[in-house]
Amino acid sequence: DTRTFMAVASAKIRAGEAAGTGAAIAHQVHGAIGFTREYSLHQRTRRLWTWRDDFHPERVWADRLGRAVCAEGADRLWPSLTAL
Protein backbone atom coordinates (compact mmCIF):
# COMPACT_ATOMS: atom_id res chain seq x y z
CA ASP A 1 0.00 0.00 0.00
CA THR A 2 1.63 3.23 -1.18
CA ARG A 3 -0.16 5.38 1.39
CA THR A 4 1.14 3.29 4.29
CA PHE A 5 4.64 3.21 2.82
CA MET A 6 4.68 7.00 2.45
CA ALA A 7 3.58 7.46 6.06
CA VAL A 8 6.17 5.01 7.42
CA ALA A 9 8.98 6.40 5.26
CA SER A 10 8.15 9.97 6.24
CA ALA A 11 8.07 9.05 9.94
CA LYS A 12 11.41 7.22 9.70
CA ILE A 13 13.05 10.17 7.95
CA ARG A 14 11.72 12.74 10.43
CA ALA A 15 12.60 10.61 13.47
CA GLY A 16 16.16 10.17 12.20
CA GLU A 17 16.53 13.88 11.55
CA ALA A 18 15.15 14.67 15.01
CA ALA A 19 17.60 12.26 16.66
CA GLY A 20 20.53 13.87 14.89
CA THR A 21 19.40 17.40 15.67
CA GLY A 22 18.58 16.56 19.28
CA ALA A 23 21.98 14.97 19.85
CA ALA A 24 23.76 17.95 18.28
CA ILE A 25 21.87 20.41 20.47
CA ALA A 26 22.52 18.34 23.61
CA HIS A 27 26.25 18.27 22.89
CA GLN A 28 26.29 21.99 22.24
CA VAL A 29 24.46 22.69 25.51
CA HIS A 30 26.91 20.49 27.40
CA GLY A 31 29.93 22.09 25.74
CA ALA A 32 30.67 18.95 23.70
CA ILE A 33 31.66 17.14 26.91
CA GLY A 34 29.34 14.35 25.77
CA PHE A 35 32.12 12.97 23.61
CA THR A 36 34.01 11.74 26.68
CA ARG A 37 33.18 8.15 27.59
CA GLU A 38 32.57 8.76 31.27
CA TYR A 39 29.82 11.30 30.59
CA SER A 40 26.36 9.71 30.17
CA LEU A 41 25.52 11.86 27.15
CA HIS A 42 28.11 9.87 25.20
CA GLN A 43 26.23 6.59 25.73
CA ARG A 44 22.86 8.14 24.97
CA THR A 45 24.14 9.74 21.78
CA ARG A 46 25.62 6.45 20.58
CA ARG A 47 22.27 4.73 21.19
CA LEU A 48 20.43 7.45 19.25
CA TRP A 49 22.83 7.09 16.34
CA THR A 50 22.46 3.30 16.40
CA TRP A 51 18.66 3.45 16.52
CA ARG A 52 18.66 6.07 13.77
CA ASP A 53 20.44 3.66 11.42
CA ASP A 54 18.30 0.61 12.30
CA PHE A 55 16.40 -0.51 9.20
CA HIS A 56 18.60 1.79 7.07
CA PRO A 57 19.49 5.47 7.56
CA GLU A 58 17.12 8.26 6.58
CA ARG A 59 18.92 8.93 3.27
CA VAL A 60 17.91 5.43 2.08
CA TRP A 61 14.30 6.04 3.12
CA ALA A 62 14.32 9.47 1.48
CA ASP A 63 15.50 7.86 -1.77
CA ARG A 64 12.80 5.17 -1.55
CA LEU A 65 10.15 7.77 -0.79
CA GLY A 66 11.27 9.91 -3.71
CA ARG A 67 11.11 6.93 -6.05
CA ALA A 68 7.62 6.04 -4.82
CA VAL A 69 6.42 9.61 -5.35
CA CYS A 70 7.89 9.69 -8.86
CA ALA A 71 6.32 6.33 -9.69
CA GLU A 72 2.90 7.65 -8.66
CA GLY A 73 3.20 10.53 -11.12
CA ALA A 74 2.97 14.29 -10.70
CA ASP A 75 -0.83 14.34 -10.76
CA ARG A 76 -0.96 12.03 -7.70
CA LEU A 77 1.57 13.94 -5.55
CA TRP A 78 -0.77 16.40 -3.84
CA PRO A 79 -3.59 13.88 -3.24
CA SER A 80 -1.04 11.44 -1.80
CA LEU A 81 0.38 14.07 0.56
CA THR A 82 -2.98 15.31 1.77
CA ALA A 83 -4.25 11.77 2.36
CA LEU A 84 -1.62 11.10 5.05
PDB file of N, CA and C in Angstrom:
ATOM      1  N   ASP A   1       0.846  -1.180   0.000  1.00  0.00           N
ATOM      2  CA  ASP A   1       0.000   0.000   0.000  1.00  0.00           C
ATOM      3  C   ASP A   1       0.893   1.245   0.000  1.00  0.00           C
ATOM      4  N   THR A   2       0.782   2.045  -1.025  1.00  0.00           N
ATOM      5  CA  THR A   2       1.626   3.231  -1.182  1.00  0.00           C
ATOM      6  C   THR A   2       1.394   4.242  -0.074  1.00  0.00           C
ATOM      7  N   ARG A   3       0.168   4.403   0.333  1.00  0.00           N
ATOM      8  CA  ARG A   3      -0.157   5.377   1.388  1.00  0.00           C
ATOM      9  C   ARG A   3       0.530   5.015   2.697  1.00  0.00           C
ATOM     10  N   THR A   4       0.478   3.751   3.067  1.00  0.00           N
ATOM     11  CA  THR A   4       1.137   3.295   4.294  1.00  0.00           C
ATOM     12  C   THR A   4       2.644   3.449   4.176  1.00  0.00           C
ATOM     13  N   PHE A   5       3.197   3.067   3.034  1.00  0.00           N
ATOM     14  CA  PHE A   5       4.636   3.211   2.824  1.00  0.00           C
ATOM     15  C   PHE A   5       5.071   4.662   2.965  1.00  0.00           C
ATOM     16  N   MET A   6       4.325   5.580   2.370  1.00  0.00           N
ATOM     17  CA  MET A   6       4.684   6.996   2.449  1.00  0.00           C
ATOM     18  C   MET A   6       4.650   7.497   3.892  1.00  0.00           C
ATOM     19  N   ALA A   7       3.672   7.046   4.655  1.00  0.00           N
ATOM     20  CA  ALA A   7       3.577   7.459   6.063  1.00  0.00           C
ATOM     21  C   ALA A   7       4.746   6.913   6.876  1.00  0.00           C
ATOM     22  N   VAL A   8       5.071   5.638   6.679  1.00  0.00           N
ATOM     23  CA  VAL A   8       6.172   5.013   7.416  1.00  0.00           C
ATOM     24  C   VAL A   8       7.509   5.636   7.017  1.00  0.00           C
ATOM     25  N   ALA A   9       7.727   5.810   5.730  1.00  0.00           N
ATOM     26  CA  ALA A   9       8.984   6.398   5.256  1.00  0.00           C
ATOM     27  C   ALA A   9       9.149   7.820   5.776  1.00  0.00           C
ATOM     28  N   SER A  10       8.087   8.596   5.738  1.00  0.00           N
ATOM     29  CA  SER A  10       8.148   9.972   6.242  1.00  0.00           C
ATOM     30  C   SER A  10       8.458  10.002   7.731  1.00  0.00           C
ATOM     31  N   ALA A  11       7.826   9.113   8.490  1.00  0.00           N
ATOM     32  CA  ALA A  11       8.075   9.051   9.938  1.00  0.00           C
ATOM     33  C   ALA A  11       9.513   8.646  10.230  1.00  0.00           C
ATOM     34  N   LYS A  12      10.033   7.670   9.496  1.00  0.00           N
ATOM     35  CA  LYS A  12      11.410   7.216   9.695  1.00  0.00           C
ATOM     36  C   LYS A  12      12.404   8.337   9.398  1.00  0.00           C
ATOM     37  N   ILE A  13      12.162   9.070   8.325  1.00  0.00           N
ATOM     38  CA  ILE A  13      13.047  10.174   7.947  1.00  0.00           C
ATOM     39  C   ILE A  13      13.023  11.257   9.015  1.00  0.00           C
ATOM     40  N   ARG A  14      11.841  11.666   9.437  1.00  0.00           N
ATOM     41  CA  ARG A  14      11.717  12.743  10.429  1.00  0.00           C
ATOM     42  C   ARG A  14      12.284  12.325  11.781  1.00  0.00           C
ATOM     43  N   ALA A  15      12.061  11.079  12.189  1.00  0.00           N
ATOM     44  CA  ALA A  15      12.605  10.611  13.471  1.00  0.00           C
ATOM     45  C   ALA A  15      14.129  10.596  13.438  1.00  0.00           C
ATOM     46  N   GLY A  16      14.702  10.164  12.330  1.00  0.00           N
ATOM     47  CA  GLY A  16      16.156  10.165  12.197  1.00  0.00           C
ATOM     48  C   GLY A  16      16.738  11.562  12.223  1.00  0.00           C
ATOM     49  N   GLU A  17      16.076  12.483  11.539  1.00  0.00           N
ATOM     50  CA  GLU A  17      16.532  13.876  11.552  1.00  0.00           C
ATOM     51  C   GLU A  17      16.428  14.470  12.957  1.00  0.00           C
ATOM     52  N   ALA A  18      15.341  14.156  13.648  1.00  0.00           N
ATOM     53  CA  ALA A  18      15.147  14.672  15.010  1.00  0.00           C
ATOM     54  C   ALA A  18      16.207  14.122  15.962  1.00  0.00           C
ATOM     55  N   ALA A  19      16.560  12.854  15.805  1.00  0.00           N
ATOM     56  CA  ALA A  19      17.596  12.258  16.657  1.00  0.00           C
ATOM     57  C   ALA A  19      18.937  12.943  16.435  1.00  0.00           C
ATOM     58  N   GLY A  20      19.271  13.193  15.196  1.00  0.00           N
ATOM     59  CA  GLY A  20      20.534  13.869  14.892  1.00  0.00           C
ATOM     60  C   GLY A  20      20.565  15.296  15.408  1.00  0.00           C
ATOM     61  N   THR A  21      19.483  16.019  15.202  1.00  0.00           N
ATOM     62  CA  THR A  21      19.400  17.404  15.667  1.00  0.00           C
ATOM     63  C   THR A  21      19.408  17.467  17.186  1.00  0.00           C
ATOM     64  N   GLY A  22      18.631  16.589  17.817  1.00  0.00           N
ATOM     65  CA  GLY A  22      18.580  16.564  19.281  1.00  0.00           C
ATOM     66  C   GLY A  22      19.930  16.265  19.901  1.00  0.00           C
ATOM     67  N   ALA A  23      20.647  15.312  19.336  1.00  0.00           N
ATOM     68  CA  ALA A  23      21.979  14.974  19.850  1.00  0.00           C
ATOM     69  C   ALA A  23      22.944  16.142  19.671  1.00  0.00           C
ATOM     70  N   ALA A  24      22.878  16.801  18.525  1.00  0.00           N
ATOM     71  CA  ALA A  24      23.764  17.947  18.276  1.00  0.00           C
ATOM     72  C   ALA A  24      23.490  19.081  19.261  1.00  0.00           C
ATOM     73  N   ILE A  25      22.227  19.357  19.518  1.00  0.00           N
ATOM     74  CA  ILE A  25      21.867  20.408  20.472  1.00  0.00           C
ATOM     75  C   ILE A  25      22.327  20.035  21.873  1.00  0.00           C
ATOM     76  N   ALA A  26      22.109  18.779  22.268  1.00  0.00           N
ATOM     77  CA  ALA A  26      22.521  18.336  23.606  1.00  0.00           C
ATOM     78  C   ALA A  26      24.026  18.484  23.796  1.00  0.00           C
ATOM     79  N   HIS A  27      24.793  18.134  22.787  1.00  0.00           N
ATOM     80  CA  HIS A  27      26.247  18.267  22.888  1.00  0.00           C
ATOM     81  C   HIS A  27      26.671  19.730  22.943  1.00  0.00           C
ATOM     82  N   GLN A  28      25.966  20.567  22.207  1.00  0.00           N
ATOM     83  CA  GLN A  28      26.292  21.989  22.239  1.00  0.00           C
ATOM     84  C   GLN A  28      25.974  22.579  23.615  1.00  0.00           C
ATOM     85  N   VAL A  29      24.844  22.204  24.182  1.00  0.00           N
ATOM     86  CA  VAL A  29      24.457  22.687  25.509  1.00  0.00           C
ATOM     87  C   VAL A  29      25.465  22.245  26.565  1.00  0.00           C
ATOM     88  N   HIS A  30      25.964  21.034  26.425  1.00  0.00           N
ATOM     89  CA  HIS A  30      26.914  20.485  27.397  1.00  0.00           C
ATOM     90  C   HIS A  30      28.364  20.810  27.040  1.00  0.00           C
ATOM     91  N   GLY A  31      28.570  21.689  26.105  1.00  0.00           N
ATOM     92  CA  GLY A  31      29.928  22.092  25.744  1.00  0.00           C
ATOM     93  C   GLY A  31      30.727  20.983  25.105  1.00  0.00           C
ATOM     94  N   ALA A  32      30.054  20.084  24.397  1.00  0.00           N
ATOM     95  CA  ALA A  32      30.669  18.945  23.704  1.00  0.00           C
ATOM     96  C   ALA A  32      31.344  17.969  24.656  1.00  0.00           C
ATOM     97  N   ILE A  33      31.078  18.084  25.951  1.00  0.00           N
ATOM     98  CA  ILE A  33      31.662  17.144  26.908  1.00  0.00           C
ATOM     99  C   ILE A  33      31.081  15.736  26.715  1.00  0.00           C
ATOM    100  N   GLY A  34      29.969  15.647  26.010  1.00  0.00           N
ATOM    101  CA  GLY A  34      29.341  14.354  25.772  1.00  0.00           C
ATOM    102  C   GLY A  34      30.183  13.391  24.965  1.00  0.00           C
ATOM    103  N   PHE A  35      31.262  13.859  24.381  1.00  0.00           N
ATOM    104  CA  PHE A  35      32.122  12.972  23.612  1.00  0.00           C
ATOM    105  C   PHE A  35      33.071  12.176  24.495  1.00  0.00           C
ATOM    106  N   THR A  36      33.160  12.516  25.773  1.00  0.00           N
ATOM    107  CA  THR A  36      34.006  11.735  26.677  1.00  0.00           C
ATOM    108  C   THR A  36      33.215  10.535  27.169  1.00  0.00           C
ATOM    109  N   ARG A  37      33.860   9.406  27.258  1.00  0.00           N
ATOM    110  CA  ARG A  37      33.180   8.153  27.585  1.00  0.00           C
ATOM    111  C   ARG A  37      32.540   8.133  28.967  1.00  0.00           C
ATOM    112  N   GLU A  38      33.120   8.829  29.914  1.00  0.00           N
ATOM    113  CA  GLU A  38      32.575   8.765  31.266  1.00  0.00           C
ATOM    114  C   GLU A  38      31.316   9.617  31.446  1.00  0.00           C
ATOM    115  N   TYR A  39      31.002  10.449  30.499  1.00  0.00           N
ATOM    116  CA  TYR A  39      29.821  11.301  30.591  1.00  0.00           C
ATOM    117  C   TYR A  39      28.642  10.564  29.961  1.00  0.00           C
ATOM    118  N   SER A  40      27.491  10.532  30.625  1.00  0.00           N
ATOM    119  CA  SER A  40      26.360   9.712  30.169  1.00  0.00           C
ATOM    120  C   SER A  40      25.801  10.149  28.810  1.00  0.00           C
ATOM    121  N   LEU A  41      26.003  11.403  28.445  1.00  0.00           N
ATOM    122  CA  LEU A  41      25.518  11.859  27.148  1.00  0.00           C
ATOM    123  C   LEU A  41      26.173  11.080  26.006  1.00  0.00           C
ATOM    124  N   HIS A  42      27.396  10.656  26.213  1.00  0.00           N
ATOM    125  CA  HIS A  42      28.115   9.867  25.205  1.00  0.00           C
ATOM    126  C   HIS A  42      27.349   8.577  24.890  1.00  0.00           C
ATOM    127  N   GLN A  43      26.953   7.846  25.941  1.00  0.00           N
ATOM    128  CA  GLN A  43      26.229   6.590  25.727  1.00  0.00           C
ATOM    129  C   GLN A  43      24.866   6.830  25.077  1.00  0.00           C
ATOM    130  N   ARG A  44      24.185   7.852  25.528  1.00  0.00           N
ATOM    131  CA  ARG A  44      22.859   8.138  24.969  1.00  0.00           C
ATOM    132  C   ARG A  44      22.948   8.556  23.497  1.00  0.00           C
ATOM    133  N   THR A  45      23.957   9.321  23.172  1.00  0.00           N
ATOM    134  CA  THR A  45      24.141   9.737  21.781  1.00  0.00           C
ATOM    135  C   THR A  45      24.452   8.540  20.896  1.00  0.00           C
ATOM    136  N   ARG A  46      25.295   7.657  21.368  1.00  0.00           N
ATOM    137  CA  ARG A  46      25.617   6.451  20.581  1.00  0.00           C
ATOM    138  C   ARG A  46      24.376   5.607  20.345  1.00  0.00           C
ATOM    139  N   ARG A  47      23.513   5.493  21.362  1.00  0.00           N
ATOM    140  CA  ARG A  47      22.270   4.731  21.192  1.00  0.00           C
ATOM    141  C   ARG A  47      21.366   5.401  20.157  1.00  0.00           C
ATOM    142  N   LEU A  48      21.246   6.727  20.240  1.00  0.00           N
ATOM    143  CA  LEU A  48      20.433   7.449  19.251  1.00  0.00           C
ATOM    144  C   LEU A  48      20.946   7.208  17.838  1.00  0.00           C
ATOM    145  N   TRP A  49      22.262   7.301  17.664  1.00  0.00           N
ATOM    146  CA  TRP A  49      22.834   7.093  16.339  1.00  0.00           C
ATOM    147  C   TRP A  49      22.611   5.663  15.854  1.00  0.00           C
ATOM    148  N   THR A  50      22.701   4.705  16.768  1.00  0.00           N
ATOM    149  CA  THR A  50      22.461   3.305  16.404  1.00  0.00           C
ATOM    150  C   THR A  50      21.007   3.096  16.012  1.00  0.00           C
ATOM    151  N   TRP A  51      20.086   3.594  16.829  1.00  0.00           N
ATOM    152  CA  TRP A  51      18.656   3.452  16.517  1.00  0.00           C
ATOM    153  C   TRP A  51      18.300   4.172  15.227  1.00  0.00           C
ATOM    154  N   ARG A  52      18.943   5.303  14.980  1.00  0.00           N
ATOM    155  CA  ARG A  52      18.658   6.073  13.770  1.00  0.00           C
ATOM    156  C   ARG A  52      18.992   5.257  12.524  1.00  0.00           C
ATOM    157  N   ASP A  53      20.031   4.449  12.587  1.00  0.00           N
ATOM    158  CA  ASP A  53      20.441   3.663  11.423  1.00  0.00           C
ATOM    159  C   ASP A  53      19.802   2.278  11.352  1.00  0.00           C
ATOM    160  N   ASP A  54      19.033   1.882  12.377  1.00  0.00           N
ATOM    161  CA  ASP A  54      18.304   0.614  12.297  1.00  0.00           C
ATOM    162  C   ASP A  54      17.349   0.666  11.107  1.00  0.00           C
ATOM    163  N   PHE A  55      17.267  -0.405  10.374  1.00  0.00           N
ATOM    164  CA  PHE A  55      16.403  -0.507   9.197  1.00  0.00           C
ATOM    165  C   PHE A  55      16.753   0.552   8.152  1.00  0.00           C
ATOM    166  N   HIS A  56      18.021   0.870   8.053  1.00  0.00           N
ATOM    167  CA  HIS A  56      18.604   1.789   7.069  1.00  0.00           C
ATOM    168  C   HIS A  56      18.496   3.242   7.531  1.00  0.00           C
ATOM    169  N   PRO A  57      19.505   4.043   7.189  1.00  0.00           N
ATOM    170  CA  PRO A  57      19.490   5.467   7.565  1.00  0.00           C
ATOM    171  C   PRO A  57      18.440   6.250   6.768  1.00  0.00           C
ATOM    172  N   GLU A  58      18.182   7.472   7.209  1.00  0.00           N
ATOM    173  CA  GLU A  58      17.116   8.260   6.577  1.00  0.00           C
ATOM    174  C   GLU A  58      17.388   8.579   5.110  1.00  0.00           C
ATOM    175  N   ARG A  59      18.648   8.640   4.682  1.00  0.00           N
ATOM    176  CA  ARG A  59      18.920   8.931   3.265  1.00  0.00           C
ATOM    177  C   ARG A  59      18.392   7.812   2.368  1.00  0.00           C
ATOM    178  N   VAL A  60      18.448   6.559   2.849  1.00  0.00           N
ATOM    179  CA  VAL A  60      17.914   5.431   2.076  1.00  0.00           C
ATOM    180  C   VAL A  60      16.392   5.552   1.980  1.00  0.00           C
ATOM    181  N   TRP A  61      15.757   5.883   3.117  1.00  0.00           N
ATOM    182  CA  TRP A  61      14.302   6.037   3.124  1.00  0.00           C
ATOM    183  C   TRP A  61      13.866   7.226   2.277  1.00  0.00           C
ATOM    184  N   ALA A  62      14.642   8.303   2.299  1.00  0.00           N
ATOM    185  CA  ALA A  62      14.315   9.469   1.477  1.00  0.00           C
ATOM    186  C   ALA A  62      14.387   9.108  -0.008  1.00  0.00           C
ATOM    187  N   ASP A  63      15.380   8.302  -0.383  1.00  0.00           N
ATOM    188  CA  ASP A  63      15.502   7.862  -1.767  1.00  0.00           C
ATOM    189  C   ASP A  63      14.310   6.988  -2.155  1.00  0.00           C
ATOM    190  N   ARG A  64      13.947   6.053  -1.273  1.00  0.00           N
ATOM    191  CA  ARG A  64      12.799   5.175  -1.548  1.00  0.00           C
ATOM    192  C   ARG A  64      11.504   5.976  -1.657  1.00  0.00           C
ATOM    193  N   LEU A  65      11.350   6.937  -0.760  1.00  0.00           N
ATOM    194  CA  LEU A  65      10.148   7.773  -0.786  1.00  0.00           C
ATOM    195  C   LEU A  65      10.096   8.589  -2.074  1.00  0.00           C
ATOM    196  N   GLY A  66      11.223   9.150  -2.468  1.00  0.00           N
ATOM    197  CA  GLY A  66      11.272   9.911  -3.715  1.00  0.00           C
ATOM    198  C   GLY A  66      10.927   9.058  -4.920  1.00  0.00           C
ATOM    199  N   ARG A  67      11.427   7.839  -4.936  1.00  0.00           N
ATOM    200  CA  ARG A  67      11.114   6.930  -6.049  1.00  0.00           C
ATOM    201  C   ARG A  67       9.627   6.583  -6.077  1.00  0.00           C
ATOM    202  N   ALA A  68       9.048   6.362  -4.895  1.00  0.00           N
ATOM    203  CA  ALA A  68       7.620   6.039  -4.819  1.00  0.00           C
ATOM    204  C   ALA A  68       6.769   7.210  -5.301  1.00  0.00           C
ATOM    205  N   VAL A  69       7.153   8.416  -4.917  1.00  0.00           N
ATOM    206  CA  VAL A  69       6.417   9.612  -5.350  1.00  0.00           C
ATOM    207  C   VAL A  69       6.519   9.771  -6.864  1.00  0.00           C
ATOM    208  N   CYS A  70       7.709   9.583  -7.411  1.00  0.00           N
ATOM    209  CA  CYS A  70       7.893   9.692  -8.863  1.00  0.00           C
ATOM    210  C   CYS A  70       7.103   8.623  -9.603  1.00  0.00           C
ATOM    211  N   ALA A  71       7.050   7.424  -9.049  1.00  0.00           N
ATOM    212  CA  ALA A  71       6.320   6.333  -9.691  1.00  0.00           C
ATOM    213  C   ALA A  71       4.816   6.604  -9.717  1.00  0.00           C
ATOM    214  N   GLU A  72       4.329   7.313  -8.709  1.00  0.00           N
ATOM    215  CA  GLU A  72       2.902   7.649  -8.656  1.00  0.00           C
ATOM    216  C   GLU A  72       2.523   8.668  -9.726  1.00  0.00           C
ATOM    217  N   GLY A  73       3.470   9.504 -10.113  1.00  0.00           N
ATOM    218  CA  GLY A  73       3.196  10.531 -11.117  1.00  0.00           C
ATOM    219  C   GLY A  73       2.881  11.871 -10.476  1.00  0.00           C
ATOM    220  N   ALA A  74       3.137  12.930 -11.213  1.00  0.00           N
ATOM    221  CA  ALA A  74       2.971  14.292 -10.703  1.00  0.00           C
ATOM    222  C   ALA A  74       1.527  14.595 -10.314  1.00  0.00           C
ATOM    223  N   ASP A  75       0.574  14.050 -11.056  1.00  0.00           N
ATOM    224  CA  ASP A  75      -0.830  14.342 -10.765  1.00  0.00           C
ATOM    225  C   ASP A  75      -1.320  13.682  -9.474  1.00  0.00           C
ATOM    226  N   ARG A  76      -0.570  12.714  -8.945  1.00  0.00           N
ATOM    227  CA  ARG A  76      -0.959  12.032  -7.700  1.00  0.00           C
ATOM    228  C   ARG A  76      -0.211  12.568  -6.481  1.00  0.00           C
ATOM    229  N   LEU A  77       0.748  13.469  -6.676  1.00  0.00           N
ATOM    230  CA  LEU A  77       1.565  13.939  -5.554  1.00  0.00           C
ATOM    231  C   LEU A  77       0.729  14.629  -4.483  1.00  0.00           C
ATOM    232  N   TRP A  78      -0.005  15.659  -4.842  1.00  0.00           N
ATOM    233  CA  TRP A  78      -0.767  16.400  -3.840  1.00  0.00           C
ATOM    234  C   TRP A  78      -1.838  15.529  -3.174  1.00  0.00           C
ATOM    235  N   PRO A  79      -2.627  14.759  -3.912  1.00  0.00           N
ATOM    236  CA  PRO A  79      -3.593  13.884  -3.238  1.00  0.00           C
ATOM    237  C   PRO A  79      -2.929  12.872  -2.296  1.00  0.00           C
ATOM    238  N   SER A  80      -1.751  12.384  -2.669  1.00  0.00           N
ATOM    239  CA  SER A  80      -1.039  11.442  -1.796  1.00  0.00           C
ATOM    240  C   SER A  80      -0.580  12.121  -0.517  1.00  0.00           C
ATOM    241  N   LEU A  81      -0.084  13.347  -0.620  1.00  0.00           N
ATOM    242  CA  LEU A  81       0.385  14.072   0.558  1.00  0.00           C
ATOM    243  C   LEU A  81      -0.755  14.451   1.488  1.00  0.00           C
ATOM    244  N   THR A  82      -1.859  14.880   0.933  1.00  0.00           N
ATOM    245  CA  THR A  82      -2.977  15.315   1.769  1.00  0.00           C
ATOM    246  C   THR A  82      -3.755  14.150   2.354  1.00  0.00           C
ATOM    247  N   ALA A  83      -3.554  12.946   1.828  1.00  0.00           N
ATOM    248  CA  ALA A  83      -4.247  11.768   2.355  1.00  0.00           C
ATOM    249  C   ALA A  83      -3.579  11.220   3.609  1.00  0.00           C
ATOM    250  N   LEU A  84      -2.344  11.640   3.895  1.00  0.00           N
ATOM    251  CA  LEU A  84      -1.620  11.101   5.052  1.00  0.00           C
ATOM    252  C   LEU A  84      -2.195  11.557   6.347  1.00  0.00           C
TER     253      LEU A  84
END
